[in-house]
């Protein structure tokens, strides 16, 4: 029971982080006319943030009990 509650709390925290990463004020920081390896900065940020978000969710879900 404790393990499930801790995982739920961590997933809620990851969800809130995702809401922050993909909301207007942060996205506006990366909306520049700059290219990273030929990709617009905003698209590169969205791709990398989404990839990191998926990795973070996988780490939280697959973490072994202590």
PDB file of N, CA and C in Angstrom:
ATOM      1  N   UNK A   1       0.820  -1.194   0.000  1.00  0.00           N
ATOM      2  CA  UNK A   1       0.000   0.000   0.000  1.00  0.00           C
ATOM      3  C   UNK A   1       0.862   1.255   0.000  1.00  0.00           C
ATOM      4  N   UNK A   2       1.927   1.251   0.813  1.00  0.00           N
ATOM      5  CA  UNK A   2       2.797   2.415   0.895  1.00  0.00           C
ATOM      6  C   UNK A   2       3.500   2.666  -0.435  1.00  0.00           C
ATOM      7  N   UNK A   3       3.925   1.615  -1.087  1.00  0.00           N
ATOM      8  CA  UNK A   3       4.623   1.729  -2.376  1.00  0.00           C
ATOM      9  C   UNK A   3       3.723   2.385  -3.416  1.00  0.00           C
ATOM     10  N   UNK A   4       2.488   1.962  -3.456  1.00  0.00           N
ATOM     11  CA  UNK A   4       1.552   2.505  -4.423  1.00  0.00           C
ATOM     12  C   UNK A   4       1.291   3.991  -4.166  1.00  0.00           C
ATOM     13  N   UNK A   5       1.176   4.359  -2.917  1.00  0.00           N
ATOM     14  CA  UNK A   5       0.920   5.761  -2.567  1.00  0.00           C
ATOM     15  C   UNK A   5       2.112   6.637  -2.949  1.00  0.00           C
ATOM     16  N   UNK A   6       3.335   6.150  -2.700  1.00  0.00           N
ATOM     17  CA  UNK A   6       4.532   6.910  -3.036  1.00  0.00           C
ATOM     18  C   UNK A   6       4.657   7.074  -4.552  1.00  0.00           C
ATOM     19  N   UNK A   7       4.384   6.022  -5.292  1.00  0.00           N
ATOM     20  CA  UNK A   7       4.432   6.107  -6.752  1.00  0.00           C
ATOM     21  C   UNK A   7       3.393   7.091  -7.262  1.00  0.00           C
ATOM     22  N   UNK A   8       2.209   7.072  -6.683  1.00  0.00           N
ATOM     23  CA  UNK A   8       1.153   8.003  -7.087  1.00  0.00           C
ATOM     24  C   UNK A   8       1.575   9.444  -6.837  1.00  0.00           C
ATOM     25  N   UNK A   9       2.192   9.697  -5.702  1.00  0.00           N
ATOM     26  CA  UNK A   9       2.645  11.055  -5.395  1.00  0.00           C
ATOM     27  C   UNK A   9       3.742  11.503  -6.356  1.00  0.00           C
ATOM     28  N   UNK A  10       4.637  10.604  -6.675  1.00  0.00           N
ATOM     29  CA  UNK A  10       5.713  10.952  -7.619  1.00  0.00           C
ATOM     30  C   UNK A  10       5.153  11.213  -9.007  1.00  0.00           C
ATOM     31  N   UNK A  11       4.201  10.406  -9.439  1.00  0.00           N
ATOM     32  CA  UNK A  11       3.592  10.636 -10.747  1.00  0.00           C
ATOM     33  C   UNK A  11       2.828  11.956 -10.780  1.00  0.00           C
ATOM     34  N   UNK A  12       2.197  12.315  -9.673  1.00  0.00           N
ATOM     35  CA  UNK A  12       1.513  13.609  -9.604  1.00  0.00           C
ATOM     36  C   UNK A  12       2.528  14.751  -9.729  1.00  0.00           C
ATOM     37  N   UNK A  13       3.674  14.599  -9.097  1.00  0.00           N
ATOM     38  CA  UNK A  13       4.716  15.622  -9.196  1.00  0.00           C
ATOM     39  C   UNK A  13       5.258  15.714 -10.624  1.00  0.00           C
ATOM     40  N   UNK A  14       5.429  14.585 -11.289  1.00  0.00           N
ATOM     41  CA  UNK A  14       5.891  14.581 -12.676  1.00  0.00           C
ATOM     42  C   UNK A  14       4.847  15.231 -13.578  1.00  0.00           C
ATOM     43  N   UNK A  15       3.576  14.965 -13.311  1.00  0.00           N
ATOM     44  CA  UNK A  15       2.503  15.600 -14.070  1.00  0.00           C
ATOM     45  C   UNK A  15       2.560  17.122 -13.938  1.00  0.00           C
ATOM     46  N   UNK A  16       2.742  17.610 -12.719  1.00  0.00           N
ATOM     47  CA  UNK A  16       2.819  19.059 -12.508  1.00  0.00           C
ATOM     48  C   UNK A  16       4.047  19.649 -13.197  1.00  0.00           C
ATOM     49  N   UNK A  17       5.156  18.917 -13.182  1.00  0.00           N
ATOM     50  CA  UNK A  17       6.341  19.367 -13.909  1.00  0.00           C
ATOM     51  C   UNK A  17       6.051  19.442 -15.398  1.00  0.00           C
ATOM     52  N   UNK A  18       5.344  18.442 -15.925  1.00  0.00           N
ATOM     53  CA  UNK A  18       4.972  18.459 -17.335  1.00  0.00           C
ATOM     54  C   UNK A  18       4.079  19.642 -17.675  1.00  0.00           C
ATOM     55  N   UNK A  19       3.144  19.940 -16.790  1.00  0.00           N
ATOM     56  CA  UNK A  19       2.278  21.118 -16.999  1.00  0.00           C
ATOM     57  C   UNK A  19       3.104  22.394 -17.046  1.00  0.00           C
ATOM     58  N   UNK A  20       4.102  22.477 -16.214  1.00  0.00           N
ATOM     59  CA  UNK A  20       4.971  23.648 -16.206  1.00  0.00           C
ATOM     60  C   UNK A  20       5.817  23.724 -17.476  1.00  0.00           C
ATOM     61  N   UNK A  21       6.388  22.592 -17.888  1.00  0.00           N
ATOM     62  CA  UNK A  21       7.278  22.579 -19.054  1.00  0.00           C
ATOM     63  C   UNK A  21       6.554  22.906 -20.356  1.00  0.00           C
ATOM     64  N   UNK A  22       5.284  22.520 -20.466  1.00  0.00           N
ATOM     65  CA  UNK A  22       4.570  22.693 -21.723  1.00  0.00           C
ATOM     66  C   UNK A  22       3.506  23.781 -21.652  1.00  0.00           C
ATOM     67  N   UNK A  23       3.684  24.737 -20.761  1.00  0.00           N
ATOM     68  CA  UNK A  23       2.744  25.837 -20.644  1.00  0.00           C
ATOM     69  C   UNK A  23       3.346  27.102 -21.257  1.00  0.00           C
ATOM     70  N   UNK A  24       2.532  28.118 -21.436  1.00  0.00           N
ATOM     71  CA  UNK A  24       2.916  29.327 -22.166  1.00  0.00           C
ATOM     72  C   UNK A  24       4.194  30.009 -21.684  1.00  0.00           C
ATOM     73  N   UNK A  25       4.359  30.348 -20.420  1.00  0.00           N
ATOM     74  CA  UNK A  25       5.540  31.148 -20.088  1.00  0.00           C
ATOM     75  C   UNK A  25       6.858  30.458 -20.437  1.00  0.00           C
ATOM     76  N   UNK A  26       6.945  29.169 -20.234  1.00  0.00           N
ATOM     77  CA  UNK A  26       8.197  28.466 -20.534  1.00  0.00           C
ATOM     78  C   UNK A  26       8.357  28.301 -22.044  1.00  0.00           C
ATOM     79  N   UNK A  27       7.293  27.961 -22.740  1.00  0.00           N
ATOM     80  CA  UNK A  27       7.380  27.828 -24.194  1.00  0.00           C
ATOM     81  C   UNK A  27       7.759  29.151 -24.854  1.00  0.00           C
ATOM     82  N   UNK A  28       7.309  30.252 -24.295  1.00  0.00           N
ATOM     83  CA  UNK A  28       7.636  31.563 -24.870  1.00  0.00           C
ATOM     84  C   UNK A  28       9.133  31.859 -24.767  1.00  0.00           C
ATOM     85  N   UNK A  29       9.804  31.287 -23.786  1.00  0.00           N
ATOM     86  CA  UNK A  29      11.252  31.481 -23.665  1.00  0.00           C
ATOM     87  C   UNK A  29      12.012  30.886 -24.843  1.00  0.00           C
ATOM     88  N   UNK A  30      11.472  29.836 -25.426  1.00  0.00           N
ATOM     89  CA  UNK A  30      12.152  29.129 -26.505  1.00  0.00           C
ATOM     90  C   UNK A  30      11.608  29.493 -27.885  1.00  0.00           C
ATOM     91  N   UNK A  31      10.693  30.418 -27.963  1.00  0.00           N
ATOM     92  CA  UNK A  31      10.125  30.835 -29.237  1.00  0.00           C
ATOM     93  C   UNK A  31      10.995  31.929 -29.850  1.00  0.00           C
ATOM     94  N   UNK A  32      12.172  31.536 -30.291  1.00  0.00           N
ATOM     95  CA  UNK A  32      13.143  32.459 -30.884  1.00  0.00           C
ATOM     96  C   UNK A  32      13.443  32.020 -32.316  1.00  0.00           C
ATOM     97  N   UNK A  33      13.950  32.919 -33.102  1.00  0.00           N
ATOM     98  CA  UNK A  33      14.324  32.608 -34.481  1.00  0.00           C
ATOM     99  C   UNK A  33      15.758  32.071 -34.511  1.00  0.00           C
ATOM    100  N   UNK A  34      15.973  30.978 -33.809  1.00  0.00           N
ATOM    101  CA  UNK A  34      17.295  30.346 -33.730  1.00  0.00           C
ATOM    102  C   UNK A  34      17.122  28.887 -34.113  1.00  0.00           C
ATOM    103  N   UNK A  35      18.133  28.338 -34.782  1.00  0.00           N
ATOM    104  CA  UNK A  35      18.075  26.929 -35.166  1.00  0.00           C
ATOM    105  C   UNK A  35      19.164  26.155 -34.422  1.00  0.00           C
ATOM    106  N   UNK A  36      18.807  24.963 -33.969  1.00  0.00           N
ATOM    107  CA  UNK A  36      19.750  24.052 -33.318  1.00  0.00           C
ATOM    108  C   UNK A  36      19.868  22.834 -34.230  1.00  0.00           C
ATOM    109  N   UNK A  37      21.029  22.665 -34.841  1.00  0.00           N
ATOM    110  CA  UNK A  37      21.240  21.589 -35.806  1.00  0.00           C
ATOM    111  C   UNK A  37      20.196  21.631 -36.921  1.00  0.00           C
ATOM    112  N   UNK A  38      19.809  22.824 -37.328  1.00  0.00           N
ATOM    113  CA  UNK A  38      18.850  22.991 -38.407  1.00  0.00           C
ATOM    114  C   UNK A  38      17.395  22.884 -37.988  1.00  0.00           C
ATOM    115  N   UNK A  39      17.125  22.661 -36.709  1.00  0.00           N
ATOM    116  CA  UNK A  39      15.765  22.545 -36.196  1.00  0.00           C
ATOM    117  C   UNK A  39      15.450  23.809 -35.399  1.00  0.00           C
ATOM    118  N   UNK A  40      14.275  24.406 -35.612  1.00  0.00           N
ATOM    119  CA  UNK A  40      13.926  25.588 -34.819  1.00  0.00           C
ATOM    120  C   UNK A  40      14.006  25.285 -33.315  1.00  0.00           C
ATOM    121  N   UNK A  41      14.432  26.266 -32.545  1.00  0.00           N
ATOM    122  CA  UNK A  41      14.666  26.086 -31.113  1.00  0.00           C
ATOM    123  C   UNK A  41      13.418  25.607 -30.377  1.00  0.00           C
ATOM    124  N   UNK A  42      12.259  26.132 -30.713  1.00  0.00           N
ATOM    125  CA  UNK A  42      11.025  25.724 -30.038  1.00  0.00           C
ATOM    126  C   UNK A  42      10.732  24.250 -30.273  1.00  0.00           C
ATOM    127  N   UNK A  43      10.894  23.779 -31.499  1.00  0.00           N
ATOM    128  CA  UNK A  43      10.646  22.371 -31.801  1.00  0.00           C
ATOM    129  C   UNK A  43      11.655  21.474 -31.100  1.00  0.00           C
ATOM    130  N   UNK A  44      12.906  21.899 -31.066  1.00  0.00           N
ATOM    131  CA  UNK A  44      13.927  21.115 -30.374  1.00  0.00           C
ATOM    132  C   UNK A  44      13.614  21.030 -28.884  1.00  0.00           C
ATOM    133  N   UNK A  45      13.186  22.140 -28.294  1.00  0.00           N
ATOM    134  CA  UNK A  45      12.823  22.128 -26.876  1.00  0.00           C
ATOM    135  C   UNK A  45      11.650  21.187 -26.616  1.00  0.00           C
ATOM    136  N   UNK A  46      10.610  21.275 -27.427  1.00  0.00           N
ATOM    137  CA  UNK A  46       9.441  20.423 -27.219  1.00  0.00           C
ATOM    138  C   UNK A  46       9.826  18.956 -27.341  1.00  0.00           C
ATOM    139  N   UNK A  47      10.615  18.615 -28.344  1.00  0.00           N
ATOM    140  CA  UNK A  47      11.035  17.229 -28.529  1.00  0.00           C
ATOM    141  C   UNK A  47      11.860  16.742 -27.345  1.00  0.00           C
ATOM    142  N   UNK A  48      12.849  17.519 -26.931  1.00  0.00           N
ATOM    143  CA  UNK A  48      13.712  17.095 -25.825  1.00  0.00           C
ATOM    144  C   UNK A  48      12.975  17.075 -24.489  1.00  0.00           C
ATOM    145  N   UNK A  49      12.095  18.040 -24.265  1.00  0.00           N
ATOM    146  CA  UNK A  49      11.323  18.051 -23.014  1.00  0.00           C
ATOM    147  C   UNK A  49      10.371  16.859 -22.967  1.00  0.00           C
ATOM    148  N   UNK A  50       9.763  16.527 -24.094  1.00  0.00           N
ATOM    149  CA  UNK A  50       8.855  15.372 -24.146  1.00  0.00           C
ATOM    150  C   UNK A  50       9.626  14.080 -23.918  1.00  0.00           C
ATOM    151  N   UNK A  51      10.795  13.961 -24.526  1.00  0.00           N
ATOM    152  CA  UNK A  51      11.638  12.782 -24.338  1.00  0.00           C
ATOM    153  C   UNK A  51      12.045  12.651 -22.867  1.00  0.00           C
ATOM    154  N   UNK A  52      12.464  13.742 -22.254  1.00  0.00           N
ATOM    155  CA  UNK A  52      12.823  13.727 -20.838  1.00  0.00           C
ATOM    156  C   UNK A  52      11.647  13.407 -19.945  1.00  0.00           C
ATOM    157  N   UNK A  53      10.486  13.906 -20.308  1.00  0.00           N
ATOM    158  CA  UNK A  53       9.269  13.637 -19.539  1.00  0.00           C
ATOM    159  C   UNK A  53       8.934  12.147 -19.571  1.00  0.00           C
ATOM    160  N   UNK A  54       9.019  11.537 -20.752  1.00  0.00           N
ATOM    161  CA  UNK A  54       8.752  10.107 -20.877  1.00  0.00           C
ATOM    162  C   UNK A  54       9.770   9.296 -20.080  1.00  0.00           C
ATOM    163  N   UNK A  55      11.034   9.675 -20.142  1.00  0.00           N
ATOM    164  CA  UNK A  55      12.059   8.981 -19.358  1.00  0.00           C
ATOM    165  C   UNK A  55      11.791   9.099 -17.861  1.00  0.00           C
ATOM    166  N   UNK A  56      11.396  10.264 -17.422  1.00  0.00           N
ATOM    167  CA  UNK A  56      11.111  10.469 -16.005  1.00  0.00           C
ATOM    168  C   UNK A  56       9.930   9.629 -15.545  1.00  0.00           C
ATOM    169  N   UNK A  57       8.887   9.554 -16.345  1.00  0.00           N
ATOM    170  CA  UNK A  57       7.737   8.711 -16.003  1.00  0.00           C
ATOM    171  C   UNK A  57       8.169   7.243 -15.945  1.00  0.00           C
ATOM    172  N   UNK A  58       8.988   6.817 -16.889  1.00  0.00           N
ATOM    173  CA  UNK A  58       9.455   5.428 -16.895  1.00  0.00           C
ATOM    174  C   UNK A  58      10.278   5.116 -15.651  1.00  0.00           C
ATOM    175  N   UNK A  59      11.117   6.034 -15.229  1.00  0.00           N
ATOM    176  CA  UNK A  59      11.932   5.828 -14.024  1.00  0.00           C
ATOM    177  C   UNK A  59      11.038   5.720 -12.795  1.00  0.00           C
ATOM    178  N   UNK A  60      10.036   6.573 -12.699  1.00  0.00           N
ATOM    179  CA  UNK A  60       9.138   6.542 -11.541  1.00  0.00           C
ATOM    180  C   UNK A  60       8.338   5.242 -11.511  1.00  0.00           C
ATOM    181  N   UNK A  61       7.829   4.815 -12.640  1.00  0.00           N
ATOM    182  CA  UNK A  61       6.977   3.632 -12.694  1.00  0.00           C
ATOM    183  C   UNK A  61       7.786   2.349 -12.494  1.00  0.00           C
ATOM    184  N   UNK A  62       8.976   2.292 -13.079  1.00  0.00           N
ATOM    185  CA  UNK A  62       9.771   1.067 -13.048  1.00  0.00           C
ATOM    186  C   UNK A  62      10.695   0.977 -11.836  1.00  0.00           C
ATOM    187  N   UNK A  63      10.680   1.942 -10.982  1.00  0.00           N
ATOM    188  CA  UNK A  63      11.579   1.940  -9.820  1.00  0.00           C
ATOM    189  C   UNK A  63      11.236   0.794  -8.873  1.00  0.00           C
ATOM    190  N   UNK A  64      12.252   0.101  -8.439  1.00  0.00           N
ATOM    191  CA  UNK A  64      12.091  -1.039  -7.531  1.00  0.00           C
ATOM    192  C   UNK A  64      11.827  -0.527  -6.108  1.00  0.00           C
ATOM    193  N   UNK A  65      11.052  -1.271  -5.330  1.00  0.00           N
ATOM    194  CA  UNK A  65      10.811  -0.866  -3.941  1.00  0.00           C
ATOM    195  C   UNK A  65      12.110  -0.886  -3.137  1.00  0.00           C
ATOM    196  N   UNK A  66      12.248   0.066  -2.268  1.00  0.00           N
ATOM    197  CA  UNK A  66      13.466   0.159  -1.443  1.00  0.00           C
ATOM    198  C   UNK A  66      13.469  -0.863  -0.334  1.00  0.00           C
TER     199      UNK A  66
END
